[in-house]
Protein backbone atom coordinates (compact mmCIF):
# COMPACT_ATOMS: atom_id res chain seq x y z
CA UNK A 1 0.20 -0.27 0.01
CA UNK A 2 0.98 3.35 -0.62
CA UNK A 3 2.69 5.36 2.69
CA UNK A 4 0.47 8.85 3.04
CA UNK A 5 3.09 11.73 2.96
CA UNK A 6 5.87 8.80 3.77
CA UNK A 7 4.89 9.28 7.75
CA UNK A 8 7.17 7.48 9.96
CA UNK A 9 6.17 6.35 13.58
CA UNK A 10 7.35 4.98 15.97
CA UNK A 11 5.61 3.05 18.48
CA UNK A 12 7.83 2.18 21.95
CA UNK A 13 6.01 -0.25 24.02
CA UNK A 14 6.86 -3.64 26.02
CA UNK A 15 3.52 -5.01 25.75
CA UNK A 16 2.96 -6.68 22.49
CA UNK A 17 -0.54 -6.73 22.62
CA UNK A 18 -0.82 -2.31 23.36
CA UNK A 19 1.63 -2.34 19.92
CA UNK A 20 -0.47 -4.88 17.61
CA UNK A 21 -3.43 -2.46 18.46
CA UNK A 22 -1.65 0.78 17.49
CA UNK A 23 -0.24 -1.14 14.99
CA UNK A 24 -3.77 -2.18 13.59
CA UNK A 25 -4.92 1.10 14.07
CA UNK A 26 -2.26 3.24 12.37
CA UNK A 27 -1.20 0.74 9.22
CA UNK A 28 -4.41 1.13 7.37
CA UNK A 29 -4.30 4.42 7.40
CA UNK A 30 -1.05 4.25 5.21
CA UNK A 31 1.83 5.31 7.62
CA UNK A 32 5.54 3.81 7.89
CA UNK A 33 5.22 1.96 11.07
CA UNK A 34 8.40 1.15 13.54
CA UNK A 35 8.36 -0.95 16.86
CA UNK A 36 10.26 -0.87 19.81
CA UNK A 37 9.74 -3.35 23.40
CA UNK A 38 11.80 -0.98 25.02
CA UNK A 39 13.56 2.75 25.79
CA UNK A 40 16.54 2.22 24.77
CA UNK A 41 16.02 -0.28 21.24
CA UNK A 42 13.86 3.01 20.31
CA UNK A 43 16.03 5.42 20.52
CA UNK A 44 18.33 3.47 18.51
CA UNK A 45 15.71 3.27 16.27
CA UNK A 46 14.65 6.79 15.89
CA UNK A 47 18.97 7.71 15.56
CA UNK A 48 18.34 5.32 12.33
CA UNK A 49 14.98 6.39 10.98
CA UNK A 50 14.03 10.04 12.07
CA UNK A 51 10.20 9.07 12.66
CA UNK A 52 7.57 11.86 12.39
CA UNK A 53 6.01 11.01 14.96
CA UNK A 54 6.96 8.60 18.74
CA UNK A 55 3.99 6.69 20.49
CA UNK A 56 5.99 6.24 24.14
CA UNK A 57 4.80 4.00 26.60
CA UNK A 58 5.15 5.37 30.17
CA UNK A 59 5.60 1.99 32.32
CA UNK A 60 8.67 0.41 31.05
CA UNK A 61 11.40 -2.13 32.45
CA UNK A 62 15.04 -0.73 32.31
CA UNK A 63 13.73 3.11 31.21
CA UNK A 64 10.33 4.34 31.64
CA UNK A 65 9.62 6.34 29.25
CA UNK A 66 10.22 9.98 31.07
CA UNK A 67 13.84 8.81 30.93
CA UNK A 68 12.90 7.86 27.24
CA UNK A 69 11.59 10.99 26.25
CA UNK A 70 14.85 12.89 28.37
CA UNK A 71 17.18 11.27 26.07
CA UNK A 72 15.66 11.80 23.15
CA UNK A 73 15.18 15.55 23.61
CA UNK A 74 18.73 16.14 24.51
CA UNK A 75 19.99 14.53 21.11
CA UNK A 76 20.28 17.32 18.69
CA UNK A 77 18.88 15.24 15.97
CA UNK A 78 16.07 13.85 17.48
CA UNK A 79 14.60 16.82 19.85
CA UNK A 80 12.08 18.55 17.19
CA UNK A 81 10.46 15.12 16.72
CA UNK A 82 7.13 15.12 18.58
CA UNK A 83 6.32 12.37 21.77
CA UNK A 84 2.59 11.53 22.51
CA UNK A 85 2.84 9.48 25.53
CA UNK A 86 0.76 6.42 26.01
CA UNK A 87 -0.16 5.17 29.69
CA UNK A 88 -3.16 3.95 31.72
CA UNK A 89 -2.03 6.17 34.58
CA UNK A 90 -4.63 8.55 35.02
CA UNK A 91 -3.50 10.96 37.92
CA UNK A 92 -2.41 14.23 36.93
CA UNK A 93 0.56 14.10 38.51
CA UNK A 94 1.70 11.76 35.37
CA UNK A 95 -0.11 13.57 33.12
CA UNK A 96 2.47 16.74 34.29
CA UNK A 97 5.33 15.14 34.20
CA UNK A 98 4.45 13.52 30.74
CA UNK A 99 4.71 17.43 29.33
CA UNK A 100 7.40 18.21 31.64
CA UNK A 101 9.96 15.94 30.14
CA UNK A 102 8.63 16.98 26.54
CA UNK A 103 6.10 15.31 25.83
CA UNK A 104 3.41 17.16 23.62
CA UNK A 105 0.12 15.06 23.95
CA UNK A 106 -1.15 11.60 26.27
CA UNK A 107 -3.17 8.59 24.75
CA UNK A 108 -5.07 7.18 27.82
CA UNK A 109 -5.35 3.16 27.51
CA UNK A 110 -7.02 1.49 26.62
CA UNK A 111 -6.84 3.19 23.19
CA UNK A 112 -9.94 4.93 21.48
CA UNK A 113 -9.20 4.48 18.10
CA UNK A 114 -11.14 7.61 16.69
CA UNK A 115 -8.65 8.89 19.30
CA UNK A 116 -5.95 8.15 18.72
CA UNK A 117 -6.43 8.60 14.77
CA UNK A 118 -7.44 12.31 15.25
CA UNK A 119 -4.53 13.21 17.81
CA UNK A 120 -1.71 11.26 15.40
CA UNK A 121 -3.57 12.83 12.66
CA UNK A 122 -3.62 16.58 14.08
CA UNK A 123 0.23 16.16 15.51
CA UNK A 124 1.64 14.84 12.01
CA UNK A 125 0.11 17.81 10.29
CA UNK A 126 0.92 20.50 13.50
CA UNK A 127 4.77 19.48 13.07
CA UNK A 128 4.57 19.28 10.06
CA UNK A 129 3.67 23.68 9.68
CA UNK A 130 6.11 23.66 12.16
CA UNK A 131 8.99 22.50 10.46
CA UNK A 132 7.30 24.33 6.82
CA UNK A 133 7.94 27.91 9.29
CA UNK A 134 11.10 26.64 10.56
CA UNK A 135 12.46 26.42 7.27
CA UNK A 136 11.19 29.50 5.63
CA UNK A 137 12.49 31.37 9.12
CA UNK A 138 15.95 30.42 8.41
CA UNK A 139 15.73 31.33 4.98
CA UNK A 140 14.34 34.60 5.26
CA UNK A 141 16.76 35.75 8.43
CA UNK A 142 19.48 34.58 5.67
CA UNK A 143 18.03 37.33 3.12
CA UNK A 144 18.04 39.61 6.05
CA UNK A 145 21.01 39.18 7.22
CA UNK A 146 23.08 38.94 3.93
CA UNK A 147 22.54 42.53 2.67
CA UNK A 148 23.31 43.93 6.30
CA UNK A 149 26.28 42.19 6.19
CA UNK A 150 27.00 43.49 2.77
CA UNK A 151 26.42 46.82 4.21
CA UNK A 152 28.27 46.61 7.19
CA UNK A 153 31.29 45.38 5.38
CA UNK A 154 30.90 48.35 2.79
CA UNK A 155 30.82 51.22 5.54
CA UNK A 156 34.26 49.55 6.98
CA UNK A 157 35.74 49.65 3.88
CA UNK A 158 34.58 52.98 3.39
CA UNK A 159 36.18 54.21 6.75
CA UNK A 160 39.21 52.80 6.18
CA UNK A 161 39.57 54.78 2.36
CA UNK A 162 37.66 57.78 3.39
CA UNK A 163 37.28 58.06 6.78
CA UNK A 164 34.20 58.09 8.62
CA UNK A 165 31.34 61.04 8.92
CA UNK A 166 28.38 61.98 10.15
CA UNK A 167 27.04 60.04 7.64
CA UNK A 168 28.40 56.90 7.69
CA UNK A 169 27.61 57.10 11.93
CA UNK A 170 24.16 57.42 10.99
CA UNK A 171 24.28 54.66 8.94
CA UNK A 172 26.45 52.00 11.48
CA UNK A 173 23.56 52.98 14.58
CA UNK A 174 21.03 52.26 12.13
CA UNK A 175 22.24 48.69 11.59
CA UNK A 176 22.67 47.63 14.96
CA UNK A 177 18.85 48.78 15.67
CA UNK A 178 18.22 46.66 12.22
CA UNK A 179 19.76 43.62 14.13
CA UNK A 180 18.48 43.93 17.72
CA UNK A 181 14.78 44.03 15.77
CA UNK A 182 15.48 40.73 13.39
CA UNK A 183 17.08 39.31 16.08
CA UNK A 184 14.46 39.56 18.65
CA UNK A 185 12.15 38.30 16.10
CA UNK A 186 14.12 35.62 15.51
CA UNK A 187 14.45 34.43 19.13
CA UNK A 188 10.55 35.07 20.36
CA UNK A 189 9.97 32.21 17.09
CA UNK A 190 12.89 30.06 17.80
CA UNK A 191 12.64 29.71 21.79
CA UNK A 192 9.76 27.66 21.44
CA UNK A 193 11.50 24.37 19.36
CA UNK A 194 14.98 25.38 20.34
CA UNK A 195 16.36 24.58 23.86
CA UNK A 196 18.90 27.06 24.25
CA UNK A 197 20.82 25.24 26.21
CA UNK A 198 22.92 27.17 29.40
CA UNK A 199 26.73 27.14 29.85
CA UNK A 200 28.94 28.99 32.06
CA UNK A 201 29.62 32.84 30.84
CA UNK A 202 31.85 35.26 32.53
CA UNK A 203 29.73 37.71 32.98
CA UNK A 204 32.13 41.01 32.88
CA UNK A 205 34.13 40.05 29.51
CA UNK A 206 30.41 39.52 28.26
CA UNK A 207 29.47 42.89 29.06
CA UNK A 208 32.04 44.32 27.60
CA UNK A 209 31.85 43.00 24.42
CA UNK A 210 27.96 43.92 24.61
CA UNK A 211 29.45 47.70 25.10
CA UNK A 212 31.58 47.94 22.32
CA UNK A 213 29.08 46.67 19.61
CA UNK A 214 26.79 49.58 20.55
CA UNK A 215 29.18 52.12 20.83
CA UNK A 216 28.39 53.40 17.23
CA UNK A 217 24.80 53.94 18.19
CA UNK A 218 25.34 55.94 21.60
CA UNK A 219 28.02 58.14 20.19
CA UNK A 220 25.04 59.71 17.61
CA UNK A 221 23.98 60.98 21.08
CA UNK A 222 27.32 61.65 22.26
CA UNK A 223 26.62 59.10 24.97
CA UNK A 224 29.69 57.50 26.76
CA UNK A 225 29.76 54.51 29.16
CA UNK A 226 31.20 53.45 32.77
CA UNK A 227 31.43 50.06 33.76
CA UNK A 228 32.29 48.96 37.33
CA UNK A 229 33.18 45.39 38.70
CA UNK A 230 33.93 44.65 41.96
CA UNK A 231 33.74 40.71 41.52
CA UNK A 232 36.75 38.36 40.34
CA UNK A 233 35.42 36.48 37.49
CA UNK A 234 32.21 36.69 37.53
CA UNK A 235 30.14 33.38 36.34
CA UNK A 236 26.49 33.17 35.43
CA UNK A 237 24.99 29.76 34.02
CA UNK A 238 23.33 31.20 31.35
CA UNK A 239 22.55 30.15 27.57
CA UNK A 240 24.98 33.12 26.09
CA UNK A 241 22.31 33.47 23.32
CA UNK A 242 19.43 34.55 25.89
CA UNK A 243 22.04 36.61 27.84
CA UNK A 244 22.86 38.66 24.47
CA UNK A 245 18.91 39.36 23.95
CA UNK A 246 18.69 40.23 27.62
CA UNK A 247 21.92 42.66 27.67
CA UNK A 248 21.20 44.61 24.24
CA UNK A 249 17.56 45.08 24.69
CA UNK A 250 18.02 46.75 27.76
CA UNK A 251 21.58 48.38 26.74
CA UNK A 252 19.31 49.65 23.25
CA UNK A 253 16.34 51.06 25.48
CA UNK A 254 19.11 53.12 27.49
CA UNK A 255 20.58 54.59 24.87
CA UNK A 256 17.54 55.10 23.15
CA UNK A 257 15.64 56.79 26.20
CA UNK A 258 18.70 58.87 27.19
CA UNK A 259 19.51 62.48 26.69
CA UNK A 260 22.23 63.34 24.60
CA UNK A 261 25.81 64.21 26.43
CA UNK A 262 24.80 61.58 29.23
CA UNK A 263 26.57 59.03 30.48
CA UNK A 264 24.64 54.94 31.00
CA UNK A 265 26.21 53.55 33.79
CA UNK A 266 27.24 49.53 34.14
CA UNK A 267 27.73 48.08 37.18
CA UNK A 268 28.40 44.44 38.36
CA UNK A 269 27.96 43.83 42.37
CA UNK A 270 27.84 41.56 45.44
CA UNK A 271 24.97 42.13 47.21
CA UNK A 272 23.99 39.60 49.90
CA UNK A 273 26.20 37.06 48.33
CA UNK A 274 24.54 37.19 44.82
CA UNK A 275 25.21 38.26 41.16
CA UNK A 276 23.74 41.78 40.60
CA UNK A 277 24.24 43.42 37.37
CA UNK A 278 22.44 46.90 36.39
CA UNK A 279 22.17 49.25 33.72
CA UNK A 280 21.41 52.90 34.57
CA UNK A 281 20.82 55.70 31.92
CA UNK A 282 20.09 59.44 32.40
CA UNK A 283 17.04 60.59 30.53
CA UNK A 284 12.86 60.08 30.36
CA UNK A 285 11.66 57.78 33.38
CA UNK A 286 9.39 55.24 33.04
CA UNK A 287 5.68 55.85 34.26
CA UNK A 288 4.10 52.58 33.88
CA UNK A 289 7.15 50.46 35.27
CA UNK A 290 4.09 47.17 36.16
CA UNK A 291 3.22 46.75 32.04
CA UNK A 292 6.95 47.36 30.24
CA UNK A 293 7.40 43.75 30.66
CA UNK A 294 4.05 43.20 28.84
CA UNK A 295 4.42 41.57 24.93
CA UNK A 296 3.81 44.48 22.25
CA UNK A 297 4.10 46.92 25.52
CA UNK A 298 4.91 50.04 24.28
CA UNK A 299 4.54 53.39 26.91
CA UNK A 300 4.37 55.80 23.46
CA UNK A 301 3.06 54.54 20.17
CA UNK A 302 5.05 57.07 18.48
CA UNK A 303 8.39 55.02 19.43
CA UNK A 304 10.65 52.79 17.11
CA UNK A 305 10.67 49.17 17.89
CA UNK A 306 7.92 46.40 17.87
CA UNK A 307 7.45 46.18 21.59
CA UNK A 308 8.65 42.51 22.38
CA UNK A 309 12.11 43.36 23.35
CA UNK A 310 11.21 43.71 27.43
CA UNK A 311 9.00 40.88 26.81
CA UNK A 312 11.87 38.72 25.74
CA UNK A 313 13.95 40.20 28.58
CA UNK A 314 11.10 39.29 31.40
CA UNK A 315 10.76 36.13 29.55
CA UNK A 316 14.51 34.98 29.61
CA UNK A 317 14.70 36.09 33.86
CA UNK A 318 12.24 33.85 34.36
CA UNK A 319 13.47 30.58 32.72
CA UNK A 320 17.12 31.47 34.52
CA UNK A 321 15.23 32.23 37.68
CA UNK A 322 16.58 35.65 37.78
CA UNK A 323 15.07 38.50 39.97
CA UNK A 324 14.42 41.91 37.73
CA UNK A 325 13.81 45.69 39.39
CA UNK A 326 12.80 48.83 37.63
CA UNK A 327 13.75 52.24 39.18
CA UNK A 328 12.95 54.97 37.14
CA UNK A 329 12.61 58.71 39.59
CA UNK A 330 14.50 61.76 38.90
CA UNK A 331 15.02 61.92 35.02
CA UNK A 332 17.41 58.26 35.91
CA UNK A 333 16.23 54.94 34.87
CA UNK A 334 18.01 51.88 36.39
CA UNK A 335 17.42 48.00 35.81
CA UNK A 336 18.57 45.61 38.22
CA UNK A 337 19.20 41.95 37.73
CA UNK A 338 19.99 39.61 40.82
CA UNK A 339 21.11 36.35 39.95
CA UNK A 340 22.26 33.55 42.32
CA UNK A 341 23.58 29.89 41.26
CA UNK A 342 20.96 27.35 42.63
CA UNK A 343 22.76 24.42 44.59
């Protein structure tokens, strides 16, 4: 029989009767089916055939379905394969754990044929849409970054040959703003399908790099930076892309809302055995501090931007258990981020 869309489904269950029931339900729909009777064998088959969907039992010998799913999600080649859990367990804790380890759905036993068909079809279609969108996004951002890179290279050559000018500096500043916005859009979409795994980062060196990046933009308003660090080798455990998004959004806002000829002050301090890093600027104060982290919120609709930057900052802080506080008074606005490694 010709396979419908050539979709491959891997069934992992230690009970032969369950496998046979699912095989009977799905085989007549033209799916290409693979079977495994334990988690280790299932992972091995998944690596070999790259299925489009995995149906995974929870209660199994050696490693259970939860551990199997964890290992699948840690493999960069398998992490995006949707996993539907199968189980006779019905308490809410088991269902919550299934989603926590990376499952996208839960089918109870005994199986209802119509329910199995609908759920499998729906998640295969969703996965196909996500894959198509992901490919479109990758290509779209390539089309954005390529001309920006060409423009940046052209500017650098222009400066080397003819020197800088006010017009060149304006173009450099515009490129920085475009990069921040496009990177925010890219992260906002990719964060749902990419793990953004953390690693140890030396915070002071990382911040210094971001300051250098923003100097051309700050120069257009004659804004300067000061950077003070009182901690030797301050290390935090966070994904580098997420830390960059956090810093770039706060720094770009600090520049945007600073008065000309002012100073942006950046500090790393040890407060109560916690690493606290802060960014303070002088200029327009924030009137609605309780709303600034909401998605699409802009205190002034005439400002440039999409209103997603600080929402991204808030999401990153929550994910990494970083407490963020904002003070805005007497023309000074200060964003403070408190980090403490959890033992």
